PDB file of all heavy atoms in Angstrom:
ATOM      1  N   GLU A   1       0.802  -1.220   0.000  1.00  0.00           N
ATOM      2  CA  GLU A   1       0.000   0.000   0.000  1.00  0.00           C
ATOM      3  C   GLU A   1       0.841   1.280   0.000  1.00  0.00           C
ATOM      4  O   GLU A   1       0.305   2.368  -0.168  1.00  0.00           O
ATOM      5  CB  GLU A   1      -0.935   0.015   1.218  1.00  0.00           C
ATOM      6  CG  GLU A   1      -2.022  -1.039   1.155  1.00  0.00           C
ATOM      7  CD  GLU A   1      -2.994  -0.807   0.009  1.00  0.00           C
ATOM      8  OE1 GLU A   1      -3.357   0.355  -0.259  1.00  0.00           O
ATOM      9  OE2 GLU A   1      -3.386  -1.805  -0.622  1.00  0.00           O
ATOM     10  N   HIS A   2       2.139   1.169   0.194  1.00  0.00           N
ATOM     11  CA  HIS A   2       2.988   2.367   0.245  1.00  0.00           C
ATOM     12  C   HIS A   2       3.199   3.015  -1.124  1.00  0.00           C
ATOM     13  O   HIS A   2       3.696   4.133  -1.197  1.00  0.00           O
ATOM     14  CB  HIS A   2       4.341   2.029   0.878  1.00  0.00           C
ATOM     15  CG  HIS A   2       5.173   1.130   0.005  1.00  0.00           C
ATOM     16  ND1 HIS A   2       5.013  -0.232   0.012  1.00  0.00           N
ATOM     17  CD2 HIS A   2       6.140   1.409  -0.885  1.00  0.00           C
ATOM     18  CE1 HIS A   2       5.858  -0.760  -0.855  1.00  0.00           C
ATOM     19  NE2 HIS A   2       6.554   0.201  -1.421  1.00  0.00           N
ATOM     20  N   VAL A   3       2.819   2.350  -2.198  1.00  0.00           N
ATOM     21  CA  VAL A   3       2.970   2.926  -3.541  1.00  0.00           C
ATOM     22  C   VAL A   3       1.940   4.043  -3.685  1.00  0.00           C
ATOM     23  O   VAL A   3       0.735   3.824  -3.568  1.00  0.00           O
ATOM     24  CB  VAL A   3       2.778   1.859  -4.639  1.00  0.00           C
ATOM     25  CG1 VAL A   3       2.889   2.481  -6.020  1.00  0.00           C
ATOM     26  CG2 VAL A   3       3.795   0.744  -4.478  1.00  0.00           C
ATOM     27  N   ASP A   4       2.419   5.267  -3.940  1.00  0.00           N
ATOM     28  CA  ASP A   4       1.540   6.435  -3.985  1.00  0.00           C
ATOM     29  C   ASP A   4       0.737   6.530  -5.267  1.00  0.00           C
ATOM     30  O   ASP A   4      -0.453   6.814  -5.241  1.00  0.00           O
ATOM     31  CB  ASP A   4       2.360   7.727  -3.827  1.00  0.00           C
ATOM     32  CG  ASP A   4       3.015   7.810  -2.471  1.00  0.00           C
ATOM     33  OD1 ASP A   4       2.457   7.268  -1.507  1.00  0.00           O
ATOM     34  OD2 ASP A   4       4.096   8.421  -2.374  1.00  0.00           O
ATOM     35  N   SER A   5       1.403   6.320  -6.401  1.00  0.00           N
ATOM     36  CA  SER A   5       0.738   6.539  -7.681  1.00  0.00           C
ATOM     37  C   SER A   5       1.421   5.716  -8.767  1.00  0.00           C
ATOM     38  O   SER A   5       2.524   5.199  -8.577  1.00  0.00           O
ATOM     39  CB  SER A   5       0.786   8.023  -8.050  1.00  0.00           C
ATOM     40  OG  SER A   5       2.124   8.427  -8.254  1.00  0.00           O
ATOM     41  N   VAL A   6       0.759   5.643  -9.914  1.00  0.00           N
ATOM     42  CA  VAL A   6       1.329   4.933 -11.059  1.00  0.00           C
ATOM     43  C   VAL A   6       2.610   5.624 -11.539  1.00  0.00           C
ATOM     44  O   VAL A   6       3.620   4.956 -11.767  1.00  0.00           O
ATOM     45  CB  VAL A   6       0.287   4.790 -12.192  1.00  0.00           C
ATOM     46  CG1 VAL A   6       0.929   4.228 -13.450  1.00  0.00           C
ATOM     47  CG2 VAL A   6      -0.863   3.898 -11.741  1.00  0.00           C
ATOM     48  N   PRO A   7       2.631   6.978 -11.680  1.00  0.00           N
ATOM     49  CA  PRO A   7       3.878   7.612 -12.121  1.00  0.00           C
ATOM     50  C   PRO A   7       5.052   7.408 -11.152  1.00  0.00           C
ATOM     51  O   PRO A   7       6.183   7.194 -11.587  1.00  0.00           O
ATOM     52  CB  PRO A   7       3.510   9.091 -12.226  1.00  0.00           C
ATOM     53  CG  PRO A   7       2.042   9.106 -12.457  1.00  0.00           C
ATOM     54  CD  PRO A   7       1.516   7.937 -11.675  1.00  0.00           C
ATOM     55  N   SER A   8       4.784   7.433  -9.836  1.00  0.00           N
ATOM     56  CA  SER A   8       5.887   7.225  -8.889  1.00  0.00           C
ATOM     57  C   SER A   8       6.405   5.791  -8.973  1.00  0.00           C
ATOM     58  O   SER A   8       7.613   5.551  -8.862  1.00  0.00           O
ATOM     59  CB  SER A   8       5.459   7.557  -7.461  1.00  0.00           C
ATOM     60  OG  SER A   8       4.491   6.637  -6.998  1.00  0.00           O
ATOM     61  N   PHE A   9       5.515   4.826  -9.191  1.00  0.00           N
ATOM     62  CA  PHE A   9       5.940   3.440  -9.367  1.00  0.00           C
ATOM     63  C   PHE A   9       6.765   3.306 -10.644  1.00  0.00           C
ATOM     64  O   PHE A   9       7.810   2.666 -10.657  1.00  0.00           O
ATOM     65  CB  PHE A   9       4.722   2.520  -9.434  1.00  0.00           C
ATOM     66  CG  PHE A   9       5.066   1.095  -9.748  1.00  0.00           C
ATOM     67  CD1 PHE A   9       5.558   0.251  -8.770  1.00  0.00           C
ATOM     68  CD2 PHE A   9       4.904   0.582 -11.032  1.00  0.00           C
ATOM     69  CE1 PHE A   9       5.887  -1.068  -9.060  1.00  0.00           C
ATOM     70  CE2 PHE A   9       5.221  -0.728 -11.320  1.00  0.00           C
ATOM     71  CZ  PHE A   9       5.715  -1.544 -10.333  1.00  0.00           C
ATOM     72  N   ASN A  10       6.295   3.902 -11.726  1.00  0.00           N
ATOM     73  CA  ASN A  10       6.998   3.847 -13.010  1.00  0.00           C
ATOM     74  C   ASN A  10       8.406   4.429 -12.881  1.00  0.00           C
ATOM     75  O   ASN A  10       9.381   3.835 -13.340  1.00  0.00           O
ATOM     76  CB  ASN A  10       6.203   4.610 -14.068  1.00  0.00           C
ATOM     77  CG  ASN A  10       6.841   4.527 -15.432  1.00  0.00           C
ATOM     78  OD1 ASN A  10       6.680   3.555 -16.125  1.00  0.00           O
ATOM     79  ND2 ASN A  10       7.565   5.570 -15.821  1.00  0.00           N
ATOM     80  N   ASP A  11       8.501   5.603 -12.247  1.00  0.00           N
ATOM     81  CA  ASP A  11       9.783   6.300 -12.164  1.00  0.00           C
ATOM     82  C   ASP A  11      10.751   5.665 -11.169  1.00  0.00           C
ATOM     83  O   ASP A  11      11.940   5.971 -11.171  1.00  0.00           O
ATOM     84  CB  ASP A  11       9.566   7.772 -11.809  1.00  0.00           C
ATOM     85  CG  ASP A  11       8.833   8.510 -12.917  1.00  0.00           C
ATOM     86  OD1 ASP A  11       8.742   7.970 -14.031  1.00  0.00           O
ATOM     87  OD2 ASP A  11       8.353   9.633 -12.656  1.00  0.00           O
ATOM     88  N   ALA A  12      10.250   4.764 -10.324  1.00  0.00           N
ATOM     89  CA  ALA A  12      11.113   4.106  -9.339  1.00  0.00           C
ATOM     90  C   ALA A  12      11.923   2.968  -9.947  1.00  0.00           C
ATOM     91  O   ALA A  12      12.771   2.396  -9.282  1.00  0.00           O
ATOM     92  CB  ALA A  12      10.272   3.578  -8.181  1.00  0.00           C
ATOM     93  N   HIS A  13      11.683   2.650 -11.207  1.00  0.00           N
ATOM     94  CA  HIS A  13      12.364   1.523 -11.839  1.00  0.00           C
ATOM     95  C   HIS A  13      13.345   2.005 -12.909  1.00  0.00           C
ATOM     96  O   HIS A  13      13.097   2.973 -13.610  1.00  0.00           O
ATOM     97  CB  HIS A  13      11.345   0.558 -12.458  1.00  0.00           C
ATOM     98  CG  HIS A  13      10.562  -0.168 -11.418  1.00  0.00           C
ATOM     99  ND1 HIS A  13       9.443   0.359 -10.830  1.00  0.00           N
ATOM    100  CD2 HIS A  13      10.766  -1.364 -10.834  1.00  0.00           C
ATOM    101  CE1 HIS A  13       8.980  -0.487  -9.939  1.00  0.00           C
ATOM    102  NE2 HIS A  13       9.770  -1.543  -9.913  1.00  0.00           N
ATOM    103  N   GLY A  14      14.459   1.293 -13.017  1.00  0.00           N
ATOM    104  CA  GLY A  14      15.486   1.639 -13.988  1.00  0.00           C
ATOM    105  C   GLY A  14      15.264   1.019 -15.352  1.00  0.00           C
ATOM    106  O   GLY A  14      15.882   1.426 -16.329  1.00  0.00           O
ATOM    107  N   SER A  15      14.403   0.019 -15.415  1.00  0.00           N
ATOM    108  CA  SER A  15      14.069  -0.588 -16.700  1.00  0.00           C
ATOM    109  C   SER A  15      12.566  -0.818 -16.725  1.00  0.00           C
ATOM    110  O   SER A  15      11.900  -0.789 -15.695  1.00  0.00           O
ATOM    111  CB  SER A  15      14.808  -1.915 -16.906  1.00  0.00           C
ATOM    112  OG  SER A  15      14.216  -2.942 -16.137  1.00  0.00           O
ATOM    113  N   GLY A  16      12.045  -1.081 -17.909  1.00  0.00           N
ATOM    114  CA  GLY A  16      10.615  -1.244 -18.056  1.00  0.00           C
ATOM    115  C   GLY A  16      10.103  -2.642 -17.804  1.00  0.00           C
ATOM    116  O   GLY A  16       8.901  -2.885 -17.913  1.00  0.00           O
ATOM    117  N   ARG A  17      10.968  -3.562 -17.441  1.00  0.00           N
ATOM    118  CA  ARG A  17      10.564  -4.952 -17.273  1.00  0.00           C
ATOM    119  C   ARG A  17       9.457  -5.107 -16.227  1.00  0.00           C
ATOM    120  O   ARG A  17       8.407  -5.677 -16.497  1.00  0.00           O
ATOM    121  CB  ARG A  17      11.778  -5.804 -16.907  1.00  0.00           C
ATOM    122  CG  ARG A  17      11.501  -7.287 -16.939  1.00  0.00           C
ATOM    123  CD  ARG A  17      12.697  -8.088 -16.523  1.00  0.00           C
ATOM    124  NE  ARG A  17      12.869  -7.881 -15.087  1.00  0.00           N
ATOM    125  CZ  ARG A  17      14.025  -7.732 -14.479  1.00  0.00           C
ATOM    126  NH1 ARG A  17      15.124  -7.772 -15.160  1.00  0.00           N
ATOM    127  NH2 ARG A  17      14.100  -7.555 -13.186  1.00  0.00           N
ATOM    128  N   VAL A  18       9.672  -4.591 -15.022  1.00  0.00           N
ATOM    129  CA  VAL A  18       8.682  -4.730 -13.945  1.00  0.00           C
ATOM    130  C   VAL A  18       7.437  -3.892 -14.229  1.00  0.00           C
ATOM    131  O   VAL A  18       6.314  -4.403 -14.100  1.00  0.00           O
ATOM    132  CB  VAL A  18       9.304  -4.383 -12.577  1.00  0.00           C
ATOM    133  CG1 VAL A  18       8.254  -4.355 -11.487  1.00  0.00           C
ATOM    134  CG2 VAL A  18      10.407  -5.366 -12.232  1.00  0.00           C
ATOM    135  N   PRO A  19       7.555  -2.611 -14.626  1.00  0.00           N
ATOM    136  CA  PRO A  19       6.338  -1.859 -14.932  1.00  0.00           C
ATOM    137  C   PRO A  19       5.496  -2.491 -16.037  1.00  0.00           C
ATOM    138  O   PRO A  19       4.263  -2.542 -15.935  1.00  0.00           O
ATOM    139  CB  PRO A  19       6.868  -0.485 -15.355  1.00  0.00           C
ATOM    140  CG  PRO A  19       8.168  -0.352 -14.646  1.00  0.00           C
ATOM    141  CD  PRO A  19       8.743  -1.739 -14.641  1.00  0.00           C
ATOM    142  N   MET A  20       6.122  -3.010 -17.078  1.00  0.00           N
ATOM    143  CA  MET A  20       5.343  -3.631 -18.157  1.00  0.00           C
ATOM    144  C   MET A  20       4.694  -4.930 -17.697  1.00  0.00           C
ATOM    145  O   MET A  20       3.577  -5.244 -18.102  1.00  0.00           O
ATOM    146  CB  MET A  20       6.223  -3.863 -19.384  1.00  0.00           C
ATOM    147  CG  MET A  20       6.506  -2.574 -20.134  1.00  0.00           C
ATOM    148  SD  MET A  20       7.239  -2.822 -21.745  1.00  0.00           S
ATOM    149  CE  MET A  20       8.847  -3.418 -21.347  1.00  0.00           C
ATOM    150  N   ARG A  21       5.366  -5.682 -16.841  1.00  0.00           N
ATOM    151  CA  ARG A  21       4.770  -6.902 -16.311  1.00  0.00           C
ATOM    152  C   ARG A  21       3.539  -6.550 -15.465  1.00  0.00           C
ATOM    153  O   ARG A  21       2.519  -7.230 -15.526  1.00  0.00           O
ATOM    154  CB  ARG A  21       5.788  -7.676 -15.481  1.00  0.00           C
ATOM    155  CG  ARG A  21       5.252  -8.992 -14.967  1.00  0.00           C
ATOM    156  CD  ARG A  21       6.289  -9.800 -14.258  1.00  0.00           C
ATOM    157  NE  ARG A  21       7.143  -8.928 -13.488  1.00  0.00           N
ATOM    158  CZ  ARG A  21       8.364  -9.237 -13.076  1.00  0.00           C
ATOM    159  NH1 ARG A  21       8.860 -10.391 -13.351  1.00  0.00           N
ATOM    160  NH2 ARG A  21       9.077  -8.392 -12.382  1.00  0.00           N
ATOM    161  N   MET A  22       3.616  -5.455 -14.694  1.00  0.00           N
ATOM    162  CA  MET A  22       2.475  -5.037 -13.889  1.00  0.00           C
ATOM    163  C   MET A  22       1.320  -4.579 -14.777  1.00  0.00           C
ATOM    164  O   MET A  22       0.151  -4.804 -14.452  1.00  0.00           O
ATOM    165  CB  MET A  22       2.870  -3.938 -12.907  1.00  0.00           C
ATOM    166  CG  MET A  22       3.786  -4.412 -11.798  1.00  0.00           C
ATOM    167  SD  MET A  22       3.221  -5.914 -10.956  1.00  0.00           S
ATOM    168  CE  MET A  22       1.613  -5.437 -10.389  1.00  0.00           C
ATOM    169  N   LEU A  23       1.619  -3.969 -15.903  1.00  0.00           N
ATOM    170  CA  LEU A  23       0.575  -3.554 -16.840  1.00  0.00           C
ATOM    171  C   LEU A  23      -0.141  -4.779 -17.406  1.00  0.00           C
ATOM    172  O   LEU A  23      -1.378  -4.801 -17.511  1.00  0.00           O
ATOM    173  CB  LEU A  23       1.193  -2.719 -17.961  1.00  0.00           C
ATOM    174  CG  LEU A  23       0.268  -1.910 -18.843  1.00  0.00           C
ATOM    175  CD1 LEU A  23      -0.558  -0.937 -18.040  1.00  0.00           C
ATOM    176  CD2 LEU A  23       1.087  -1.155 -19.875  1.00  0.00           C
ATOM    177  N   ASP A  24       0.609  -5.810 -17.716  1.00  0.00           N
ATOM    178  CA  ASP A  24       0.025  -7.051 -18.217  1.00  0.00           C
ATOM    179  C   ASP A  24      -0.827  -7.729 -17.146  1.00  0.00           C
ATOM    180  O   ASP A  24      -1.935  -8.196 -17.426  1.00  0.00           O
ATOM    181  CB  ASP A  24       1.136  -7.990 -18.692  1.00  0.00           C
ATOM    182  CG  ASP A  24       0.606  -9.220 -19.389  1.00  0.00           C
ATOM    183  OD1 ASP A  24      -0.303  -9.066 -20.231  1.00  0.00           O
ATOM    184  OD2 ASP A  24       1.096 -10.311 -19.108  1.00  0.00           O
ATOM    185  N   GLN A  25      -0.345  -7.731 -15.910  1.00  0.00           N
ATOM    186  CA  GLN A  25      -1.115  -8.326 -14.818  1.00  0.00           C
ATOM    187  C   GLN A  25      -2.369  -7.530 -14.524  1.00  0.00           C
ATOM    188  O   GLN A  25      -3.413  -8.095 -14.188  1.00  0.00           O
ATOM    189  CB  GLN A  25      -0.258  -8.452 -13.557  1.00  0.00           C
ATOM    190  CG  GLN A  25       0.825  -9.493 -13.679  1.00  0.00           C
ATOM    191  CD  GLN A  25       1.724  -9.549 -12.457  1.00  0.00           C
ATOM    192  OE1 GLN A  25       1.480  -8.915 -11.443  1.00  0.00           O
ATOM    193  NE2 GLN A  25       2.785 -10.331 -12.560  1.00  0.00           N
ATOM    194  N   ALA A  26      -2.288  -6.203 -14.669  1.00  0.00           N
ATOM    195  CA  ALA A  26      -3.469  -5.358 -14.457  1.00  0.00           C
ATOM    196  C   ALA A  26      -4.522  -5.648 -15.514  1.00  0.00           C
ATOM    197  O   ALA A  26      -5.728  -5.626 -15.217  1.00  0.00           O
ATOM    198  CB  ALA A  26      -3.066  -3.883 -14.478  1.00  0.00           C
ATOM    199  N   ALA A  27      -4.104  -5.931 -16.741  1.00  0.00           N
ATOM    200  CA  ALA A  27      -5.061  -6.281 -17.792  1.00  0.00           C
ATOM    201  C   ALA A  27      -5.795  -7.562 -17.422  1.00  0.00           C
ATOM    202  O   ALA A  27      -7.022  -7.670 -17.582  1.00  0.00           O
ATOM    203  CB  ALA A  27      -4.351  -6.428 -19.132  1.00  0.00           C
ATOM    204  N   GLY A  28      -5.081  -8.553 -16.918  1.00  0.00           N
ATOM    205  CA  GLY A  28      -5.707  -9.787 -16.479  1.00  0.00           C
ATOM    206  C   GLY A  28      -6.645  -9.565 -15.308  1.00  0.00           C
ATOM    207  O   GLY A  28      -7.736 -10.154 -15.237  1.00  0.00           O
ATOM    208  N   LEU A  29      -6.257  -8.685 -14.374  1.00  0.00           N
ATOM    209  CA  LEU A  29      -7.106  -8.357 -13.237  1.00  0.00           C
ATOM    210  C   LEU A  29      -8.389  -7.653 -13.686  1.00  0.00           C
ATOM    211  O   LEU A  29      -9.478  -7.987 -13.217  1.00  0.00           O
ATOM    212  CB  LEU A  29      -6.335  -7.471 -12.242  1.00  0.00           C
ATOM    213  CG  LEU A  29      -7.091  -6.985 -11.018  1.00  0.00           C
ATOM    214  CD1 LEU A  29      -7.499  -8.165 -10.140  1.00  0.00           C
ATOM    215  CD2 LEU A  29      -6.221  -6.007 -10.229  1.00  0.00           C
ATOM    216  N   ALA A  30      -8.265  -6.726 -14.605  1.00  0.00           N
ATOM    217  CA  ALA A  30      -9.441  -6.009 -15.117  1.00  0.00           C
ATOM    218  C   ALA A  30     -10.388  -6.971 -15.826  1.00  0.00           C
ATOM    219  O   ALA A  30     -11.604  -6.872 -15.667  1.00  0.00           O
ATOM    220  CB  ALA A  30      -9.020  -4.880 -16.053  1.00  0.00           C
ATOM    221  N   ASP A  31      -9.839  -7.898 -16.576  1.00  0.00           N
ATOM    222  CA  ASP A  31     -10.675  -8.878 -17.251  1.00  0.00           C
ATOM    223  C   ASP A  31     -11.391  -9.778 -16.244  1.00  0.00           C
ATOM    224  O   ASP A  31     -12.574 -10.067 -16.401  1.00  0.00           O
ATOM    225  CB  ASP A  31      -9.840  -9.716 -18.217  1.00  0.00           C
ATOM    226  CG  ASP A  31     -10.686 -10.690 -19.007  1.00  0.00           C
ATOM    227  OD1 ASP A  31     -11.668 -10.243 -19.639  1.00  0.00           O
ATOM    228  OD2 ASP A  31     -10.380 -11.898 -18.974  1.00  0.00           O
ATOM    229  N   ALA A  32     -10.667 -10.197 -15.199  1.00  0.00           N
ATOM    230  CA  ALA A  32     -11.267 -11.049 -14.165  1.00  0.00           C
ATOM    231  C   ALA A  32     -12.389 -10.308 -13.420  1.00  0.00           C
ATOM    232  O   ALA A  32     -13.360 -10.941 -12.991  1.00  0.00           O
ATOM    233  CB  ALA A  32     -10.207 -11.526 -13.195  1.00  0.00           C
ATOM    234  N   CYS A  33     -12.252  -9.001 -13.281  1.00  0.00           N
ATOM    235  CA  CYS A  33     -13.272  -8.204 -12.592  1.00  0.00           C
ATOM    236  C   CYS A  33     -14.395  -7.774 -13.538  1.00  0.00           C
ATOM    237  O   CYS A  33     -15.358  -7.133 -13.111  1.00  0.00           O
ATOM    238  CB  CYS A  33     -12.638  -6.968 -11.968  1.00  0.00           C
ATOM    239  SG  CYS A  33     -11.512  -7.348 -10.623  1.00  0.00           S
ATOM    240  N   GLY A  34     -14.245  -8.048 -14.825  1.00  0.00           N
ATOM    241  CA  GLY A  34     -15.262  -7.687 -15.787  1.00  0.00           C
ATOM    242  C   GLY A  34     -15.261  -6.215 -16.142  1.00  0.00           C
ATOM    243  O   GLY A  34     -16.275  -5.662 -16.566  1.00  0.00           O
ATOM    244  N   LEU A  35     -14.118  -5.571 -15.999  1.00  0.00           N
ATOM    245  CA  LEU A  35     -14.005  -4.144 -16.325  1.00  0.00           C
ATOM    246  C   LEU A  35     -13.512  -3.915 -17.735  1.00  0.00           C
ATOM    247  O   LEU A  35     -12.621  -4.486 -18.213  1.00  0.00           O
ATOM    248  CB  LEU A  35     -13.050  -3.452 -15.340  1.00  0.00           C
ATOM    249  CG  LEU A  35     -13.479  -3.499 -13.885  1.00  0.00           C
ATOM    250  CD1 LEU A  35     -12.398  -2.912 -13.000  1.00  0.00           C
ATOM    251  CD2 LEU A  35     -14.767  -2.705 -13.713  1.00  0.00           C
TER     252      LEU A  35
END
């Protein structure tokens, strides 16, 4: 819960590997929730 926002999470990483993986997981979560 300490993550403040999407931009702060994005900027905390030196490469896009983890942020892009989270984007893919969020897509799966949205689909599971029917959003």
